[in-house]
Amino acid sequence: MELPINHKDLKTIVNALALGGDTRLYFLLKNVIDDARLQETTREMDIHHLADEVKVFSESDEYQCLHNDCDI
């Protein structure tokens, strides 16, 4: 949803509505804040960029121990 206010202003409005006001409007705006927070958290937790860095070996692979610390 496009709003003509920034997230800081939106949080201020939601906090004011929490003290008293239109309950429906409070929950609608609170959901906007929660959705934005969820998208930000999901973006931070995105691990697809690590796919090139992670190597998975199985017991049948030719895996050579480094420093004599084999875990398989």
PDB file of N, CA and C in Angstrom:
ATOM      1  N   MET A   1       0.838  -1.162   0.000  1.00  0.00           N
ATOM      2  CA  MET A   1       0.000   0.000   0.000  1.00  0.00           C
ATOM      3  C   MET A   1       0.894   1.240   0.000  1.00  0.00           C
ATOM      4  N   GLU A   2       0.585   2.177  -0.852  1.00  0.00           N
ATOM      5  CA  GLU A   2       1.340   3.421  -0.917  1.00  0.00           C
ATOM      6  C   GLU A   2       0.721   4.437   0.039  1.00  0.00           C
ATOM      7  N   LEU A   3       1.522   4.928   0.947  1.00  0.00           N
ATOM      8  CA  LEU A   3       1.055   5.930   1.893  1.00  0.00           C
ATOM      9  C   LEU A   3       1.887   7.202   1.732  1.00  0.00           C
ATOM     10  N   PRO A   4       1.274   8.376   1.903  1.00  0.00           N
ATOM     11  CA  PRO A   4       2.027   9.627   1.773  1.00  0.00           C
ATOM     12  C   PRO A   4       2.830   9.966   3.033  1.00  0.00           C
ATOM     13  N   ILE A   5       3.038   8.983   3.920  1.00  0.00           N
ATOM     14  CA  ILE A   5       3.797   9.205   5.147  1.00  0.00           C
ATOM     15  C   ILE A   5       4.882   8.146   5.227  1.00  0.00           C
ATOM     16  N   ASN A   6       5.910   8.421   6.018  1.00  0.00           N
ATOM     17  CA  ASN A   6       6.979   7.441   6.174  1.00  0.00           C
ATOM     18  C   ASN A   6       6.647   6.496   7.333  1.00  0.00           C
ATOM     19  N   HIS A   7       7.493   5.484   7.531  1.00  0.00           N
ATOM     20  CA  HIS A   7       7.206   4.470   8.550  1.00  0.00           C
ATOM     21  C   HIS A   7       7.292   5.032   9.970  1.00  0.00           C
ATOM     22  N   LYS A   8       8.138   6.040  10.176  1.00  0.00           N
ATOM     23  CA  LYS A   8       8.211   6.647  11.507  1.00  0.00           C
ATOM     24  C   LYS A   8       6.887   7.329  11.848  1.00  0.00           C
ATOM     25  N   ASP A   9       6.327   8.062  10.882  1.00  0.00           N
ATOM     26  CA  ASP A   9       5.024   8.703  11.095  1.00  0.00           C
ATOM     27  C   ASP A   9       3.940   7.657  11.314  1.00  0.00           C
ATOM     28  N   LEU A  10       3.993   6.581  10.559  1.00  0.00           N
ATOM     29  CA  LEU A  10       2.996   5.523  10.695  1.00  0.00           C
ATOM     30  C   LEU A  10       3.051   4.891  12.082  1.00  0.00           C
ATOM     31  N   LYS A  11       4.254   4.652  12.594  1.00  0.00           N
ATOM     32  CA  LYS A  11       4.378   4.101  13.946  1.00  0.00           C
ATOM     33  C   LYS A  11       3.821   5.058  14.998  1.00  0.00           C
ATOM     34  N   THR A  12       4.034   6.355  14.790  1.00  0.00           N
ATOM     35  CA  THR A  12       3.492   7.347  15.715  1.00  0.00           C
ATOM     36  C   THR A  12       1.967   7.314  15.707  1.00  0.00           C
ATOM     37  N   ILE A  13       1.375   7.218  14.528  1.00  0.00           N
ATOM     38  CA  ILE A  13      -0.084   7.156  14.417  1.00  0.00           C
ATOM     39  C   ILE A  13      -0.621   5.901  15.086  1.00  0.00           C
ATOM     40  N   VAL A  14       0.045   4.765  14.857  1.00  0.00           N
ATOM     41  CA  VAL A  14      -0.402   3.504  15.451  1.00  0.00           C
ATOM     42  C   VAL A  14      -0.294   3.566  16.970  1.00  0.00           C
ATOM     43  N   ASN A  15       0.779   4.138  17.483  1.00  0.00           N
ATOM     44  CA  ASN A  15       0.924   4.276  18.932  1.00  0.00           C
ATOM     45  C   ASN A  15      -0.174   5.172  19.515  1.00  0.00           C
ATOM     46  N   ALA A  16      -0.538   6.239  18.796  1.00  0.00           N
ATOM     47  CA  ALA A  16      -1.611   7.115  19.269  1.00  0.00           C
ATOM     48  C   ALA A  16      -2.946   6.388  19.239  1.00  0.00           C
ATOM     49  N   LEU A  17      -3.187   5.597  18.198  1.00  0.00           N
ATOM     50  CA  LEU A  17      -4.441   4.845  18.113  1.00  0.00           C
ATOM     51  C   LEU A  17      -4.517   3.763  19.189  1.00  0.00           C
ATOM     52  N   ALA A  18      -3.358   3.260  19.621  1.00  0.00           N
ATOM     53  CA  ALA A  18      -3.348   2.241  20.672  1.00  0.00           C
ATOM     54  C   ALA A  18      -3.855   2.822  21.992  1.00  0.00           C
ATOM     55  N   LEU A  19      -3.662   4.114  22.186  1.00  0.00           N
ATOM     56  CA  LEU A  19      -4.127   4.769  23.413  1.00  0.00           C
ATOM     57  C   LEU A  19      -5.624   5.024  23.398  1.00  0.00           C
ATOM     58  N   GLY A  20      -6.180   5.046  22.229  1.00  0.00           N
ATOM     59  CA  GLY A  20      -7.622   5.268  22.114  1.00  0.00           C
ATOM     60  C   GLY A  20      -7.955   5.791  20.737  1.00  0.00           C
ATOM     61  N   GLY A  21      -8.955   5.235  20.152  1.00  0.00           N
ATOM     62  CA  GLY A  21      -9.342   5.671  18.817  1.00  0.00           C
ATOM     63  C   GLY A  21     -10.042   4.545  18.087  1.00  0.00           C
ATOM     64  N   ASP A  22     -10.036   4.641  16.788  1.00  0.00           N
ATOM     65  CA  ASP A  22     -10.716   3.666  15.941  1.00  0.00           C
ATOM     66  C   ASP A  22      -9.945   2.345  15.951  1.00  0.00           C
ATOM     67  N   THR A  23     -10.546   1.312  16.496  1.00  0.00           N
ATOM     68  CA  THR A  23      -9.888   0.017  16.626  1.00  0.00           C
ATOM     69  C   THR A  23      -9.592  -0.598  15.268  1.00  0.00           C
ATOM     70  N   ARG A  24     -10.542  -0.485  14.351  1.00  0.00           N
ATOM     71  CA  ARG A  24     -10.337  -1.064  13.020  1.00  0.00           C
ATOM     72  C   ARG A  24      -9.153  -0.393  12.319  1.00  0.00           C
ATOM     73  N   LEU A  25      -9.085   0.926  12.373  1.00  0.00           N
ATOM     74  CA  LEU A  25      -7.984   1.658  11.752  1.00  0.00           C
ATOM     75  C   LEU A  25      -6.663   1.293  12.408  1.00  0.00           C
ATOM     76  N   TYR A  26      -6.671   1.133  13.734  1.00  0.00           N
ATOM     77  CA  TYR A  26      -5.462   0.731  14.448  1.00  0.00           C
ATOM     78  C   TYR A  26      -4.930  -0.592  13.909  1.00  0.00           C
ATOM     79  N   PHE A  27      -5.798  -1.597  13.797  1.00  0.00           N
ATOM     80  CA  PHE A  27      -5.336  -2.908  13.346  1.00  0.00           C
ATOM     81  C   PHE A  27      -4.942  -2.904  11.872  1.00  0.00           C
ATOM     82  N   LEU A  28      -5.618  -2.119  11.040  1.00  0.00           N
ATOM     83  CA  LEU A  28      -5.227  -2.024   9.634  1.00  0.00           C
ATOM     84  C   LEU A  28      -3.817  -1.449   9.499  1.00  0.00           C
ATOM     85  N   LEU A  29      -3.558  -0.363  10.193  1.00  0.00           N
ATOM     86  CA  LEU A  29      -2.242   0.269  10.109  1.00  0.00           C
ATOM     87  C   LEU A  29      -1.169  -0.566  10.795  1.00  0.00           C
ATOM     88  N   LYS A  30      -1.528  -1.228  11.886  1.00  0.00           N
ATOM     89  CA  LYS A  30      -0.567  -2.096  12.569  1.00  0.00           C
ATOM     90  C   LYS A  30      -0.163  -3.253  11.660  1.00  0.00           C
ATOM     91  N   ASN A  31      -1.117  -3.778  10.886  1.00  0.00           N
ATOM     92  CA  ASN A  31      -0.793  -4.847   9.935  1.00  0.00           C
ATOM     93  C   ASN A  31       0.156  -4.363   8.850  1.00  0.00           C
ATOM     94  N   VAL A  32       0.037  -3.118   8.432  1.00  0.00           N
ATOM     95  CA  VAL A  32       0.963  -2.558   7.444  1.00  0.00           C
ATOM     96  C   VAL A  32       2.375  -2.555   8.017  1.00  0.00           C
ATOM     97  N   ILE A  33       2.513  -2.127   9.273  1.00  0.00           N
ATOM     98  CA  ILE A  33       3.828  -2.103   9.927  1.00  0.00           C
ATOM     99  C   ILE A  33       4.376  -3.517  10.075  1.00  0.00           C
ATOM    100  N   ASP A  34       3.528  -4.448  10.511  1.00  0.00           N
ATOM    101  CA  ASP A  34       3.975  -5.831  10.708  1.00  0.00           C
ATOM    102  C   ASP A  34       4.387  -6.477   9.387  1.00  0.00           C
ATOM    103  N   ASP A  35       3.656  -6.204   8.304  1.00  0.00           N
ATOM    104  CA  ASP A  35       4.020  -6.746   6.995  1.00  0.00           C
ATOM    105  C   ASP A  35       5.366  -6.209   6.528  1.00  0.00           C
ATOM    106  N   ALA A  36       5.598  -4.924   6.735  1.00  0.00           N
ATOM    107  CA  ALA A  36       6.876  -4.326   6.336  1.00  0.00           C
ATOM    108  C   ALA A  36       8.023  -4.934   7.145  1.00  0.00           C
ATOM    109  N   ARG A  37       7.798  -5.153   8.440  1.00  0.00           N
ATOM    110  CA  ARG A  37       8.821  -5.756   9.290  1.00  0.00           C
ATOM    111  C   ARG A  37       9.105  -7.200   8.856  1.00  0.00           C
ATOM    112  N   LEU A  38       8.047  -7.929   8.495  1.00  0.00           N
ATOM    113  CA  LEU A  38       8.203  -9.310   8.046  1.00  0.00           C
ATOM    114  C   LEU A  38       8.981  -9.367   6.740  1.00  0.00           C
ATOM    115  N   GLN A  39       8.698  -8.474   5.809  1.00  0.00           N
ATOM    116  CA  GLN A  39       9.431  -8.455   4.546  1.00  0.00           C
ATOM    117  C   GLN A  39      10.895  -8.119   4.774  1.00  0.00           C
ATOM    118  N   GLU A  40      11.169  -7.206   5.683  1.00  0.00           N
ATOM    119  CA  GLU A  40      12.557  -6.840   5.988  1.00  0.00           C
ATOM    120  C   GLU A  40      13.301  -8.020   6.614  1.00  0.00           C
ATOM    121  N   THR A  41      12.643  -8.716   7.530  1.00  0.00           N
ATOM    122  CA  THR A  41      13.256  -9.874   8.178  1.00  0.00           C
ATOM    123  C   THR A  41      13.499 -10.990   7.178  1.00  0.00           C
ATOM    124  N   THR A  42      12.545 -11.223   6.292  1.00  0.00           N
ATOM    125  CA  THR A  42      12.692 -12.264   5.275  1.00  0.00           C
ATOM    126  C   THR A  42      13.846 -11.939   4.345  1.00  0.00           C
ATOM    127  N   ARG A  43      13.981 -10.680   3.990  1.00  0.00           N
ATOM    128  CA  ARG A  43      15.079 -10.264   3.118  1.00  0.00           C
ATOM    129  C   ARG A  43      16.430 -10.480   3.815  1.00  0.00           C
ATOM    130  N   GLU A  44      16.495 -10.214   5.116  1.00  0.00           N
ATOM    131  CA  GLU A  44      17.739 -10.415   5.862  1.00  0.00           C
ATOM    132  C   GLU A  44      18.092 -11.886   5.983  1.00  0.00           C
ATOM    133  N   MET A  45      17.067 -12.739   6.063  1.00  0.00           N
ATOM    134  CA  MET A  45      17.296 -14.165   6.256  1.00  0.00           C
ATOM    135  C   MET A  45      17.478 -14.918   4.939  1.00  0.00           C
ATOM    136  N   ASP A  46      17.404 -14.231   3.810  1.00  0.00           N
ATOM    137  CA  ASP A  46      17.532 -14.865   2.511  1.00  0.00           C
ATOM    138  C   ASP A  46      18.927 -15.451   2.371  1.00  0.00           C
ATOM    139  N   ILE A  47      19.021 -16.766   2.218  1.00  0.00           N
ATOM    140  CA  ILE A  47      20.327 -17.429   2.150  1.00  0.00           C
ATOM    141  C   ILE A  47      20.653 -17.931   0.760  1.00  0.00           C
ATOM    142  N   HIS A  48      19.871 -17.531  -0.235  1.00  0.00           N
ATOM    143  CA  HIS A  48      20.138 -17.998  -1.584  1.00  0.00           C
ATOM    144  C   HIS A  48      21.498 -17.527  -2.093  1.00  0.00           C
ATOM    145  N   HIS A  49      21.976 -16.414  -1.598  1.00  0.00           N
ATOM    146  CA  HIS A  49      23.275 -15.919  -2.026  1.00  0.00           C
ATOM    147  C   HIS A  49      24.420 -16.788  -1.493  1.00  0.00           C
ATOM    148  N   LEU A  50      24.155 -17.652  -0.521  1.00  0.00           N
ATOM    149  CA  LEU A  50      25.185 -18.528   0.030  1.00  0.00           C
ATOM    150  C   LEU A  50      25.302 -19.850  -0.725  1.00  0.00           C
ATOM    151  N   ALA A  51      24.442 -20.085  -1.686  1.00  0.00           N
ATOM    152  CA  ALA A  51      24.414 -21.373  -2.384  1.00  0.00           C
ATOM    153  C   ALA A  51      25.743 -21.671  -3.070  1.00  0.00           C
ATOM    154  N   ASP A  52      26.440 -20.659  -3.541  1.00  0.00           N
ATOM    155  CA  ASP A  52      27.718 -20.888  -4.217  1.00  0.00           C
ATOM    156  C   ASP A  52      28.844 -21.161  -3.232  1.00  0.00           C
ATOM    157  N   GLU A  53      28.675 -20.795  -1.969  1.00  0.00           N
ATOM    158  CA  GLU A  53      29.727 -20.939  -0.980  1.00  0.00           C
ATOM    159  C   GLU A  53      29.650 -22.243  -0.195  1.00  0.00           C
ATOM    160  N   VAL A  54      28.511 -22.893  -0.198  1.00  0.00           N
ATOM    161  CA  VAL A  54      28.309 -24.095   0.605  1.00  0.00           C
ATOM    162  C   VAL A  54      28.591 -25.327  -0.245  1.00  0.00           C
ATOM    163  N   LYS A  55      29.403 -26.226   0.286  1.00  0.00           N
ATOM    164  CA  LYS A  55      29.695 -27.475  -0.406  1.00  0.00           C
ATOM    165  C   LYS A  55      29.232 -28.624   0.475  1.00  0.00           C
ATOM    166  N   VAL A  56      28.503 -29.539  -0.126  1.00  0.00           N
ATOM    167  CA  VAL A  56      27.974 -30.684   0.594  1.00  0.00           C
ATOM    168  C   VAL A  56      28.640 -31.936   0.047  1.00  0.00           C
ATOM    169  N   PHE A  57      29.201 -32.742   0.948  1.00  0.00           N
ATOM    170  CA  PHE A  57      29.858 -33.981   0.571  1.00  0.00           C
ATOM    171  C   PHE A  57      29.096 -35.155   1.159  1.00  0.00           C
ATOM    172  N   SER A  58      29.111 -36.246   0.448  1.00  0.00           N
ATOM    173  CA  SER A  58      28.560 -37.471   1.005  1.00  0.00           C
ATOM    174  C   SER A  58      29.710 -38.455   1.193  1.00  0.00           C
ATOM    175  N   GLU A  59      29.430 -39.577   1.824  1.00  0.00           N
ATOM    176  CA  GLU A  59      30.483 -40.553   2.096  1.00  0.00           C
ATOM    177  C   GLU A  59      31.044 -41.148   0.817  1.00  0.00           C
ATOM    178  N   SER A  60      30.290 -41.147  -0.254  1.00  0.00           N
ATOM    179  CA  SER A  60      30.782 -41.726  -1.502  1.00  0.00           C
ATOM    180  C   SER A  60      31.649 -40.748  -2.290  1.00  0.00           C
ATOM    181  N   ASP A  61      31.642 -39.475  -1.935  1.00  0.00           N
ATOM    182  CA  ASP A  61      32.481 -38.499  -2.629  1.00  0.00           C
ATOM    183  C   ASP A  61      33.935 -38.665  -2.227  1.00  0.00           C
ATOM    184  N   GLU A  62      34.786 -38.194  -3.080  1.00  0.00           N
ATOM    185  CA  GLU A  62      36.211 -38.217  -2.757  1.00  0.00           C
ATOM    186  C   GLU A  62      36.522 -36.991  -1.903  1.00  0.00           C
ATOM    187  N   TYR A  63      36.264 -37.131  -0.642  1.00  0.00           N
ATOM    188  CA  TYR A  63      36.444 -36.039   0.305  1.00  0.00           C
ATOM    189  C   TYR A  63      37.739 -36.275   1.051  1.00  0.00           C
ATOM    190  N   GLN A  64      38.609 -35.315   0.990  1.00  0.00           N
ATOM    191  CA  GLN A  64      39.888 -35.453   1.670  1.00  0.00           C
ATOM    192  C   GLN A  64      39.880 -34.555   2.901  1.00  0.00           C
ATOM    193  N   CYS A  65      40.295 -35.146   4.004  1.00  0.00           N
ATOM    194  CA  CYS A  65      40.328 -34.397   5.262  1.00  0.00           C
ATOM    195  C   CYS A  65      41.406 -33.343   5.214  1.00  0.00           C
ATOM    196  N   LEU A  66      41.067 -32.201   5.760  1.00  0.00           N
ATOM    197  CA  LEU A  66      42.051 -31.158   5.956  1.00  0.00           C
ATOM    198  C   LEU A  66      42.329 -31.083   7.451  1.00  0.00           C
ATOM    199  N   HIS A  67      43.550 -31.104   7.853  1.00  0.00           N
ATOM    200  CA  HIS A  67      43.958 -31.016   9.258  1.00  0.00           C
ATOM    201  C   HIS A  67      43.503 -32.238  10.057  1.00  0.00           C
ATOM    202  N   ASN A  68      43.248 -33.335   9.429  1.00  0.00           N
ATOM    203  CA  ASN A  68      42.843 -34.582  10.086  1.00  0.00           C
ATOM    204  C   ASN A  68      41.590 -34.401  10.940  1.00  0.00           C
ATOM    205  N   ASP A  69      40.702 -33.558  10.518  1.00  0.00           N
ATOM    206  CA  ASP A  69      39.451 -33.327  11.236  1.00  0.00           C
ATOM    207  C   ASP A  69      38.274 -33.732  10.358  1.00  0.00           C
ATOM    208  N   CYS A  70      38.112 -35.010  10.148  1.00  0.00           N
ATOM    209  CA  CYS A  70      37.006 -35.480   9.309  1.00  0.00           C
ATOM    210  C   CYS A  70      35.762 -35.643  10.153  1.00  0.00           C
ATOM    211  N   ASP A  71      34.656 -35.156   9.629  1.00  0.00           N
ATOM    212  CA  ASP A  71      33.406 -35.317  10.346  1.00  0.00           C
ATOM    213  C   ASP A  71      32.491 -36.333   9.687  1.00  0.00           C
ATOM    214  N   ILE A  72      32.947 -36.930   8.602  1.00  0.00           N
ATOM    215  CA  ILE A  72      32.152 -37.990   7.983  1.00  0.00           C
ATOM    216  C   ILE A  72      32.983 -39.262   7.894  1.00  0.00           C
TER     217      ILE A  72
END
